[in-house]
Amino acid sequence: MDGAGSSEHRERARRAQQLSDRASERAYGEREAAERSERVMAEAADPALADLHRQAAELHREALQRYEEAAQLQQLHAEHERRAAERAEDPESRGG
């Protein structure tokens, strides 16, 4: 235990949840951008233009994956902090 009280753990959990939510929103935006690039790529008559959109779609998919990973990590952090807050409120769980 790091000595933090229940309210501090709850605040950390709230911040981690906000970061998770933001990362999820950004992941959604990257998914939409990748899909747009893929549609334009499929419709492009110029092979060079199609290749540019293919590359853009790949980059958006990579960003999507990173944002999803970040969202999951922050969600785990939020859950950990919520459990820590519960332990800080319950003296029995600390052996007291």
PDB file of N, CA and C in Angstrom:
ATOM      1  N   MET A   1       0.861  -1.178   0.000  1.00  0.00           N
ATOM      2  CA  MET A   1       0.000   0.000   0.000  1.00  0.00           C
ATOM      3  C   MET A   1       0.897   1.228   0.000  1.00  0.00           C
ATOM      4  N   ASP A   2       0.521   2.261  -0.709  1.00  0.00           N
ATOM      5  CA  ASP A   2       1.349   3.458  -0.825  1.00  0.00           C
ATOM      6  C   ASP A   2       0.993   4.525   0.192  1.00  0.00           C
ATOM      7  N   GLY A   3       0.122   4.235   1.136  1.00  0.00           N
ATOM      8  CA  GLY A   3      -0.245   5.200   2.150  1.00  0.00           C
ATOM      9  C   GLY A   3      -1.326   6.169   1.728  1.00  0.00           C
ATOM     10  N   ALA A   4      -1.786   6.070   0.505  1.00  0.00           N
ATOM     11  CA  ALA A   4      -2.842   6.970   0.031  1.00  0.00           C
ATOM     12  C   ALA A   4      -4.168   6.571   0.656  1.00  0.00           C
ATOM     13  N   GLY A   5      -4.985   7.574   0.921  1.00  0.00           N
ATOM     14  CA  GLY A   5      -6.297   7.318   1.483  1.00  0.00           C
ATOM     15  C   GLY A   5      -7.309   6.962   0.415  1.00  0.00           C
ATOM     16  N   SER A   6      -8.460   6.601   0.875  1.00  0.00           N
ATOM     17  CA  SER A   6      -9.545   6.206  -0.012  1.00  0.00           C
ATOM     18  C   SER A   6      -9.874   7.287  -1.048  1.00  0.00           C
ATOM     19  N   SER A   7      -9.958   8.528  -0.597  1.00  0.00           N
ATOM     20  CA  SER A   7     -10.333   9.598  -1.532  1.00  0.00           C
ATOM     21  C   SER A   7      -9.264   9.802  -2.607  1.00  0.00           C
ATOM     22  N   GLU A   8      -8.002   9.636  -2.233  1.00  0.00           N
ATOM     23  CA  GLU A   8      -6.939   9.778  -3.231  1.00  0.00           C
ATOM     24  C   GLU A   8      -7.006   8.647  -4.262  1.00  0.00           C
ATOM     25  N   HIS A   9      -7.262   7.445  -3.795  1.00  0.00           N
ATOM     26  CA  HIS A   9      -7.405   6.318  -4.729  1.00  0.00           C
ATOM     27  C   HIS A   9      -8.612   6.529  -5.647  1.00  0.00           C
ATOM     28  N   ARG A  10      -9.691   7.038  -5.080  1.00  0.00           N
ATOM     29  CA  ARG A  10     -10.879   7.277  -5.912  1.00  0.00           C
ATOM     30  C   ARG A  10     -10.605   8.357  -6.960  1.00  0.00           C
ATOM     31  N   GLU A  11      -9.837   9.371  -6.596  1.00  0.00           N
ATOM     32  CA  GLU A  11      -9.475  10.412  -7.554  1.00  0.00           C
ATOM     33  C   GLU A  11      -8.585   9.838  -8.663  1.00  0.00           C
ATOM     34  N   ARG A  12      -7.645   8.993  -8.288  1.00  0.00           N
ATOM     35  CA  ARG A  12      -6.802   8.336  -9.296  1.00  0.00           C
ATOM     36  C   ARG A  12      -7.644   7.465 -10.216  1.00  0.00           C
ATOM     37  N   ALA A  13      -8.597   6.766  -9.641  1.00  0.00           N
ATOM     38  CA  ALA A  13      -9.486   5.921 -10.448  1.00  0.00           C
ATOM     39  C   ALA A  13     -10.300   6.771 -11.418  1.00  0.00           C
ATOM     40  N   ARG A  14     -10.787   7.909 -10.943  1.00  0.00           N
ATOM     41  CA  ARG A  14     -11.572   8.808 -11.802  1.00  0.00           C
ATOM     42  C   ARG A  14     -10.718   9.321 -12.965  1.00  0.00           C
ATOM     43  N   ARG A  15      -9.483   9.726 -12.663  1.00  0.00           N
ATOM     44  CA  ARG A  15      -8.598  10.228 -13.723  1.00  0.00           C
ATOM     45  C   ARG A  15      -8.249   9.133 -14.717  1.00  0.00           C
ATOM     46  N   ALA A  16      -7.963   7.936 -14.219  1.00  0.00           N
ATOM     47  CA  ALA A  16      -7.650   6.816 -15.108  1.00  0.00           C
ATOM     48  C   ALA A  16      -8.850   6.479 -15.990  1.00  0.00           C
ATOM     49  N   GLN A  17     -10.046   6.538 -15.425  1.00  0.00           N
ATOM     50  CA  GLN A  17     -11.251   6.273 -16.209  1.00  0.00           C
ATOM     51  C   GLN A  17     -11.429   7.326 -17.298  1.00  0.00           C
ATOM     52  N   GLN A  18     -11.165   8.586 -16.963  1.00  0.00           N
ATOM     53  CA  GLN A  18     -11.245   9.648 -17.976  1.00  0.00           C
ATOM     54  C   GLN A  18     -10.256   9.405 -19.103  1.00  0.00           C
ATOM     55  N   LEU A  19      -9.027   9.020 -18.755  1.00  0.00           N
ATOM     56  CA  LEU A  19      -8.027   8.735 -19.787  1.00  0.00           C
ATOM     57  C   LEU A  19      -8.449   7.551 -20.649  1.00  0.00           C
ATOM     58  N   SER A  20      -9.026   6.550 -20.023  1.00  0.00           N
ATOM     59  CA  SER A  20      -9.519   5.394 -20.768  1.00  0.00           C
ATOM     60  C   SER A  20     -10.625   5.808 -21.738  1.00  0.00           C
ATOM     61  N   ASP A  21     -11.542   6.638 -21.250  1.00  0.00           N
ATOM     62  CA  ASP A  21     -12.640   7.100 -22.096  1.00  0.00           C
ATOM     63  C   ASP A  21     -12.119   7.915 -23.285  1.00  0.00           C
ATOM     64  N   ARG A  22     -11.154   8.797 -23.013  1.00  0.00           N
ATOM     65  CA  ARG A  22     -10.574   9.602 -24.098  1.00  0.00           C
ATOM     66  C   ARG A  22      -9.875   8.733 -25.129  1.00  0.00           C
ATOM     67  N   ALA A  23      -9.121   7.751 -24.657  1.00  0.00           N
ATOM     68  CA  ALA A  23      -8.432   6.855 -25.581  1.00  0.00           C
ATOM     69  C   ALA A  23      -9.439   6.070 -26.418  1.00  0.00           C
ATOM     70  N   SER A  24     -10.541   5.660 -25.810  1.00  0.00           N
ATOM     71  CA  SER A  24     -11.587   4.943 -26.557  1.00  0.00           C
ATOM     72  C   SER A  24     -12.210   5.842 -27.624  1.00  0.00           C
ATOM     73  N   GLU A  25     -12.426   7.108 -27.279  1.00  0.00           N
ATOM     74  CA  GLU A  25     -12.980   8.055 -28.259  1.00  0.00           C
ATOM     75  C   GLU A  25     -12.015   8.254 -29.423  1.00  0.00           C
ATOM     76  N   ARG A  26     -10.735   8.368 -29.110  1.00  0.00           N
ATOM     77  CA  ARG A  26      -9.746   8.553 -30.167  1.00  0.00           C
ATOM     78  C   ARG A  26      -9.629   7.296 -31.024  1.00  0.00           C
ATOM     79  N   ALA A  27      -9.747   6.136 -30.396  1.00  0.00           N
ATOM     80  CA  ALA A  27      -9.721   4.885 -31.154  1.00  0.00           C
ATOM     81  C   ALA A  27     -10.876   4.854 -32.146  1.00  0.00           C
ATOM     82  N   TYR A  28     -12.047   5.294 -31.700  1.00  0.00           N
ATOM     83  CA  TYR A  28     -13.209   5.347 -32.590  1.00  0.00           C
ATOM     84  C   TYR A  28     -12.922   6.256 -33.784  1.00  0.00           C
ATOM     85  N   GLY A  29     -12.318   7.419 -33.530  1.00  0.00           N
ATOM     86  CA  GLY A  29     -11.984   8.347 -34.611  1.00  0.00           C
ATOM     87  C   GLY A  29     -10.980   7.749 -35.574  1.00  0.00           C
ATOM     88  N   GLU A  30     -10.005   7.025 -35.051  1.00  0.00           N
ATOM     89  CA  GLU A  30      -9.011   6.389 -35.921  1.00  0.00           C
ATOM     90  C   GLU A  30      -9.643   5.286 -36.758  1.00  0.00           C
ATOM     91  N   ARG A  31     -10.580   4.564 -36.171  1.00  0.00           N
ATOM     92  CA  ARG A  31     -11.284   3.514 -36.928  1.00  0.00           C
ATOM     93  C   ARG A  31     -12.045   4.132 -38.097  1.00  0.00           C
ATOM     94  N   GLU A  32     -12.750   5.229 -37.824  1.00  0.00           N
ATOM     95  CA  GLU A  32     -13.487   5.908 -38.895  1.00  0.00           C
ATOM     96  C   GLU A  32     -12.544   6.424 -39.976  1.00  0.00           C
ATOM     97  N   ALA A  33     -11.416   6.997 -39.563  1.00  0.00           N
ATOM     98  CA  ALA A  33     -10.453   7.529 -40.529  1.00  0.00           C
ATOM     99  C   ALA A  33      -9.866   6.407 -41.382  1.00  0.00           C
ATOM    100  N   ALA A  34      -9.560   5.277 -40.767  1.00  0.00           N
ATOM    101  CA  ALA A  34      -9.031   4.141 -41.521  1.00  0.00           C
ATOM    102  C   ALA A  34     -10.053   3.647 -42.539  1.00  0.00           C
ATOM    103  N   GLU A  35     -11.307   3.572 -42.115  1.00  0.00           N
ATOM    104  CA  GLU A  35     -12.355   3.114 -43.033  1.00  0.00           C
ATOM    105  C   GLU A  35     -12.541   4.085 -44.198  1.00  0.00           C
ATOM    106  N   ARG A  36     -12.466   5.387 -43.910  1.00  0.00           N
ATOM    107  CA  ARG A  36     -12.561   6.378 -44.992  1.00  0.00           C
ATOM    108  C   ARG A  36     -11.415   6.207 -45.983  1.00  0.00           C
ATOM    109  N   SER A  37     -10.207   6.072 -45.452  1.00  0.00           N
ATOM    110  CA  SER A  37      -9.047   5.897 -46.325  1.00  0.00           C
ATOM    111  C   SER A  37      -9.177   4.626 -47.161  1.00  0.00           C
ATOM    112  N   GLU A  38      -9.696   3.578 -46.565  1.00  0.00           N
ATOM    113  CA  GLU A  38      -9.874   2.323 -47.294  1.00  0.00           C
ATOM    114  C   GLU A  38     -10.915   2.469 -48.401  1.00  0.00           C
ATOM    115  N   ARG A  39     -11.982   3.231 -48.135  1.00  0.00           N
ATOM    116  CA  ARG A  39     -12.991   3.457 -49.176  1.00  0.00           C
ATOM    117  C   ARG A  39     -12.408   4.266 -50.330  1.00  0.00           C
ATOM    118  N   VAL A  40     -11.680   5.332 -49.988  1.00  0.00           N
ATOM    119  CA  VAL A  40     -11.083   6.166 -51.029  1.00  0.00           C
ATOM    120  C   VAL A  40     -10.065   5.355 -51.815  1.00  0.00           C
ATOM    121  N   MET A  41      -9.299   4.523 -51.120  1.00  0.00           N
ATOM    122  CA  MET A  41      -8.308   3.673 -51.779  1.00  0.00           C
ATOM    123  C   MET A  41      -8.984   2.764 -52.803  1.00  0.00           C
ATOM    124  N   ALA A  42     -10.100   2.166 -52.413  1.00  0.00           N
ATOM    125  CA  ALA A  42     -10.813   1.244 -53.302  1.00  0.00           C
ATOM    126  C   ALA A  42     -11.400   1.961 -54.509  1.00  0.00           C
ATOM    127  N   GLU A  43     -11.742   3.236 -54.330  1.00  0.00           N
ATOM    128  CA  GLU A  43     -12.377   4.001 -55.405  1.00  0.00           C
ATOM    129  C   GLU A  43     -11.374   4.765 -56.270  1.00  0.00           C
ATOM    130  N   ALA A  44     -10.127   4.858 -55.819  1.00  0.00           N
ATOM    131  CA  ALA A  44      -9.133   5.680 -56.522  1.00  0.00           C
ATOM    132  C   ALA A  44      -8.767   5.059 -57.863  1.00  0.00           C
ATOM    133  N   ALA A  45      -8.787   5.894 -58.902  1.00  0.00           N
ATOM    134  CA  ALA A  45      -8.398   5.447 -60.236  1.00  0.00           C
ATOM    135  C   ALA A  45      -6.881   5.510 -60.404  1.00  0.00           C
ATOM    136  N   ASP A  46      -6.262   6.422 -59.701  1.00  0.00           N
ATOM    137  CA  ASP A  46      -4.812   6.617 -59.787  1.00  0.00           C
ATOM    138  C   ASP A  46      -4.115   5.683 -58.787  1.00  0.00           C
ATOM    139  N   PRO A  47      -3.244   4.791 -59.280  1.00  0.00           N
ATOM    140  CA  PRO A  47      -2.558   3.860 -58.380  1.00  0.00           C
ATOM    141  C   PRO A  47      -1.720   4.564 -57.296  1.00  0.00           C
ATOM    142  N   ALA A  48      -1.115   5.693 -57.617  1.00  0.00           N
ATOM    143  CA  ALA A  48      -0.313   6.421 -56.628  1.00  0.00           C
ATOM    144  C   ALA A  48      -1.217   6.953 -55.512  1.00  0.00           C
ATOM    145  N   LEU A  49      -2.371   7.466 -55.897  1.00  0.00           N
ATOM    146  CA  LEU A  49      -3.329   7.964 -54.904  1.00  0.00           C
ATOM    147  C   LEU A  49      -3.859   6.815 -54.039  1.00  0.00           C
ATOM    148  N   ALA A  50      -4.138   5.696 -54.679  1.00  0.00           N
ATOM    149  CA  ALA A  50      -4.614   4.526 -53.943  1.00  0.00           C
ATOM    150  C   ALA A  50      -3.564   4.070 -52.932  1.00  0.00           C
ATOM    151  N   ASP A  51      -2.290   4.112 -53.338  1.00  0.00           N
ATOM    152  CA  ASP A  51      -1.226   3.705 -52.426  1.00  0.00           C
ATOM    153  C   ASP A  51      -1.112   4.660 -51.243  1.00  0.00           C
ATOM    154  N   LEU A  52      -1.257   5.951 -51.489  1.00  0.00           N
ATOM    155  CA  LEU A  52      -1.225   6.917 -50.389  1.00  0.00           C
ATOM    156  C   LEU A  52      -2.337   6.641 -49.380  1.00  0.00           C
ATOM    157  N   HIS A  53      -3.508   6.345 -49.880  1.00  0.00           N
ATOM    158  CA  HIS A  53      -4.635   6.057 -48.982  1.00  0.00           C
ATOM    159  C   HIS A  53      -4.457   4.720 -48.272  1.00  0.00           C
ATOM    160  N   ARG A  54      -3.795   3.768 -48.938  1.00  0.00           N
ATOM    161  CA  ARG A  54      -3.485   2.497 -48.278  1.00  0.00           C
ATOM    162  C   ARG A  54      -2.544   2.748 -47.101  1.00  0.00           C
ATOM    163  N   GLN A  55      -1.513   3.564 -47.341  1.00  0.00           N
ATOM    164  CA  GLN A  55      -0.570   3.888 -46.269  1.00  0.00           C
ATOM    165  C   GLN A  55      -1.270   4.629 -45.129  1.00  0.00           C
ATOM    166  N   ALA A  56      -2.127   5.556 -45.473  1.00  0.00           N
ATOM    167  CA  ALA A  56      -2.870   6.304 -44.452  1.00  0.00           C
ATOM    168  C   ALA A  56      -3.749   5.359 -43.636  1.00  0.00           C
ATOM    169  N   ALA A  57      -4.405   4.435 -44.315  1.00  0.00           N
ATOM    170  CA  ALA A  57      -5.255   3.472 -43.614  1.00  0.00           C
ATOM    171  C   ALA A  57      -4.430   2.626 -42.651  1.00  0.00           C
ATOM    172  N   GLU A  58      -3.242   2.208 -43.092  1.00  0.00           N
ATOM    173  CA  GLU A  58      -2.362   1.415 -42.218  1.00  0.00           C
ATOM    174  C   GLU A  58      -1.972   2.211 -40.971  1.00  0.00           C
ATOM    175  N   LEU A  59      -1.628   3.471 -41.161  1.00  0.00           N
ATOM    176  CA  LEU A  59      -1.256   4.315 -40.023  1.00  0.00           C
ATOM    177  C   LEU A  59      -2.430   4.514 -39.067  1.00  0.00           C
ATOM    178  N   HIS A  60      -3.612   4.712 -39.626  1.00  0.00           N
ATOM    179  CA  HIS A  60      -4.797   4.859 -38.777  1.00  0.00           C
ATOM    180  C   HIS A  60      -5.079   3.569 -38.006  1.00  0.00           C
ATOM    181  N   ARG A  61      -4.879   2.428 -38.636  1.00  0.00           N
ATOM    182  CA  ARG A  61      -5.094   1.141 -37.952  1.00  0.00           C
ATOM    183  C   ARG A  61      -4.067   0.957 -36.824  1.00  0.00           C
ATOM    184  N   GLU A  62      -2.828   1.379 -37.065  1.00  0.00           N
ATOM    185  CA  GLU A  62      -1.816   1.301 -36.010  1.00  0.00           C
ATOM    186  C   GLU A  62      -2.190   2.211 -34.840  1.00  0.00           C
ATOM    187  N   ALA A  63      -2.620   3.424 -35.155  1.00  0.00           N
ATOM    188  CA  ALA A  63      -3.043   4.353 -34.099  1.00  0.00           C
ATOM    189  C   ALA A  63      -4.246   3.789 -33.343  1.00  0.00           C
ATOM    190  N   LEU A  64      -5.173   3.195 -34.062  1.00  0.00           N
ATOM    191  CA  LEU A  64      -6.336   2.561 -33.445  1.00  0.00           C
ATOM    192  C   LEU A  64      -5.890   1.523 -32.424  1.00  0.00           C
ATOM    193  N   GLN A  65      -4.945   0.683 -32.817  1.00  0.00           N
ATOM    194  CA  GLN A  65      -4.459  -0.356 -31.911  1.00  0.00           C
ATOM    195  C   GLN A  65      -3.821   0.256 -30.669  1.00  0.00           C
ATOM    196  N   ARG A  66      -3.023   1.293 -30.832  1.00  0.00           N
ATOM    197  CA  ARG A  66      -2.365   1.929 -29.678  1.00  0.00           C
ATOM    198  C   ARG A  66      -3.389   2.575 -28.741  1.00  0.00           C
ATOM    199  N   TYR A  67      -4.387   3.240 -29.315  1.00  0.00           N
ATOM    200  CA  TYR A  67      -5.416   3.854 -28.470  1.00  0.00           C
ATOM    201  C   TYR A  67      -6.226   2.794 -27.728  1.00  0.00           C
ATOM    202  N   GLU A  68      -6.512   1.672 -28.393  1.00  0.00           N
ATOM    203  CA  GLU A  68      -7.234   0.596 -27.709  1.00  0.00           C
ATOM    204  C   GLU A  68      -6.403   0.023 -26.569  1.00  0.00           C
ATOM    205  N   GLU A  69      -5.099  -0.144 -26.806  1.00  0.00           N
ATOM    206  CA  GLU A  69      -4.213  -0.631 -25.752  1.00  0.00           C
ATOM    207  C   GLU A  69      -4.175   0.355 -24.581  1.00  0.00           C
ATOM    208  N   ALA A  70      -4.084   1.636 -24.890  1.00  0.00           N
ATOM    209  CA  ALA A  70      -4.055   2.662 -23.846  1.00  0.00           C
ATOM    210  C   ALA A  70      -5.357   2.649 -23.044  1.00  0.00           C
ATOM    211  N   ALA A  71      -6.471   2.508 -23.728  1.00  0.00           N
ATOM    212  CA  ALA A  71      -7.765   2.474 -23.041  1.00  0.00           C
ATOM    213  C   ALA A  71      -7.838   1.284 -22.090  1.00  0.00           C
ATOM    214  N   GLN A  72      -7.367   0.129 -22.545  1.00  0.00           N
ATOM    215  CA  GLN A  72      -7.387  -1.058 -21.689  1.00  0.00           C
ATOM    216  C   GLN A  72      -6.480  -0.884 -20.477  1.00  0.00           C
ATOM    217  N   LEU A  73      -5.298  -0.334 -20.704  1.00  0.00           N
ATOM    218  CA  LEU A  73      -4.361  -0.117 -19.609  1.00  0.00           C
ATOM    219  C   LEU A  73      -4.941   0.843 -18.566  1.00  0.00           C
ATOM    220  N   GLN A  74      -5.530   1.931 -19.030  1.00  0.00           N
ATOM    221  CA  GLN A  74      -6.112   2.890 -18.091  1.00  0.00           C
ATOM    222  C   GLN A  74      -7.316   2.297 -17.376  1.00  0.00           C
ATOM    223  N   GLN A  75      -8.057   1.439 -18.056  1.00  0.00           N
ATOM    224  CA  GLN A  75      -9.201   0.775 -17.415  1.00  0.00           C
ATOM    225  C   GLN A  75      -8.703  -0.134 -16.289  1.00  0.00           C
ATOM    226  N   LEU A  76      -7.630  -0.865 -16.554  1.00  0.00           N
ATOM    227  CA  LEU A  76      -7.040  -1.707 -15.508  1.00  0.00           C
ATOM    228  C   LEU A  76      -6.558  -0.859 -14.337  1.00  0.00           C
ATOM    229  N   HIS A  77      -5.945   0.271 -14.642  1.00  0.00           N
ATOM    230  CA  HIS A  77      -5.474   1.174 -13.590  1.00  0.00           C
ATOM    231  C   HIS A  77      -6.655   1.671 -12.757  1.00  0.00           C
ATOM    232  N   ALA A  78      -7.722   2.061 -13.411  1.00  0.00           N
ATOM    233  CA  ALA A  78      -8.905   2.544 -12.690  1.00  0.00           C
ATOM    234  C   ALA A  78      -9.461   1.453 -11.773  1.00  0.00           C
ATOM    235  N   GLU A  79      -9.525   0.233 -12.270  1.00  0.00           N
ATOM    236  CA  GLU A  79     -10.035  -0.873 -11.450  1.00  0.00           C
ATOM    237  C   GLU A  79      -9.122  -1.118 -10.250  1.00  0.00           C
ATOM    238  N   HIS A  80      -7.828  -1.066 -10.470  1.00  0.00           N
ATOM    239  CA  HIS A  80      -6.870  -1.241  -9.373  1.00  0.00           C
ATOM    240  C   HIS A  80      -7.072  -0.160  -8.305  1.00  0.00           C
ATOM    241  N   GLU A  81      -7.206   1.083  -8.742  1.00  0.00           N
ATOM    242  CA  GLU A  81      -7.378   2.182  -7.790  1.00  0.00           C
ATOM    243  C   GLU A  81      -8.699   2.072  -7.034  1.00  0.00           C
ATOM    244  N   ARG A  82      -9.758   1.600  -7.696  1.00  0.00           N
ATOM    245  CA  ARG A  82     -11.031   1.407  -7.001  1.00  0.00           C
ATOM    246  C   ARG A  82     -10.899   0.343  -5.919  1.00  0.00           C
ATOM    247  N   ARG A  83     -10.196  -0.745  -6.249  1.00  0.00           N
ATOM    248  CA  ARG A  83      -9.972  -1.793  -5.237  1.00  0.00           C
ATOM    249  C   ARG A  83      -9.126  -1.258  -4.083  1.00  0.00           C
ATOM    250  N   ALA A  84      -8.105  -0.456  -4.416  1.00  0.00           N
ATOM    251  CA  ALA A  84      -7.259   0.131  -3.369  1.00  0.00           C
ATOM    252  C   ALA A  84      -8.079   1.051  -2.472  1.00  0.00           C
ATOM    253  N   ALA A  85      -9.009   1.788  -3.057  1.00  0.00           N
ATOM    254  CA  ALA A  85      -9.879   2.664  -2.261  1.00  0.00           C
ATOM    255  C   ALA A  85     -10.738   1.845  -1.315  1.00  0.00           C
ATOM    256  N   GLU A  86     -11.264   0.734  -1.814  1.00  0.00           N
ATOM    257  CA  GLU A  86     -12.079  -0.133  -0.960  1.00  0.00           C
ATOM    258  C   GLU A  86     -11.253  -0.710   0.183  1.00  0.00           C
ATOM    259  N   ARG A  87     -10.022  -1.111  -0.118  1.00  0.00           N
ATOM    260  CA  ARG A  87      -9.149  -1.638   0.937  1.00  0.00           C
ATOM    261  C   ARG A  87      -8.817  -0.560   1.963  1.00  0.00           C
ATOM    262  N   ALA A  88      -8.606   0.662   1.497  1.00  0.00           N
ATOM    263  CA  ALA A  88      -8.278   1.768   2.410  1.00  0.00           C
ATOM    264  C   ALA A  88      -9.449   2.087   3.326  1.00  0.00           C
ATOM    265  N   GLU A  89     -10.670   1.826   2.874  1.00  0.00           N
ATOM    266  CA  GLU A  89     -11.861   2.085   3.695  1.00  0.00           C
ATOM    267  C   GLU A  89     -12.137   0.967   4.687  1.00  0.00           C
ATOM    268  N   ASP A  90     -11.602  -0.218   4.416  1.00  0.00           N
ATOM    269  CA  ASP A  90     -11.906  -1.392   5.223  1.00  0.00           C
ATOM    270  C   ASP A  90     -10.682  -1.807   6.032  1.00  0.00           C
ATOM    271  N   PRO A  91     -10.641  -1.447   7.311  1.00  0.00           N
ATOM    272  CA  PRO A  91      -9.466  -1.788   8.129  1.00  0.00           C
ATOM    273  C   PRO A  91      -9.231  -3.296   8.242  1.00  0.00           C
ATOM    274  N   GLU A  92     -10.277  -4.099   8.131  1.00  0.00           N
ATOM    275  CA  GLU A  92     -10.142  -5.556   8.209  1.00  0.00           C
ATOM    276  C   GLU A  92      -9.287  -6.095   7.071  1.00  0.00           C
ATOM    277  N   SER A  93      -9.376  -5.456   5.894  1.00  0.00           N
ATOM    278  CA  SER A  93      -8.618  -5.954   4.744  1.00  0.00           C
ATOM    279  C   SER A  93      -7.135  -5.662   4.883  1.00  0.00           C
ATOM    280  N   ARG A  94      -6.769  -4.739   5.804  1.00  0.00           N
ATOM    281  CA  ARG A  94      -5.361  -4.399   6.020  1.00  0.00           C
ATOM    282  C   ARG A  94      -4.786  -5.117   7.235  1.00  0.00           C
ATOM    283  N   GLY A  95      -5.535  -6.048   7.742  1.00  0.00           N
ATOM    284  CA  GLY A  95      -5.050  -6.806   8.887  1.00  0.00           C
ATOM    285  C   GLY A  95      -5.215  -6.068  10.207  1.00  0.00           C
ATOM    286  N   GLY A  96      -6.033  -5.000  10.226  1.00  0.00           N
ATOM    287  CA  GLY A  96      -6.215  -4.212  11.437  1.00  0.00           C
ATOM    288  C   GLY A  96      -7.417  -4.610  12.130  1.00  0.00           C
TER     289      GLY A  96
END
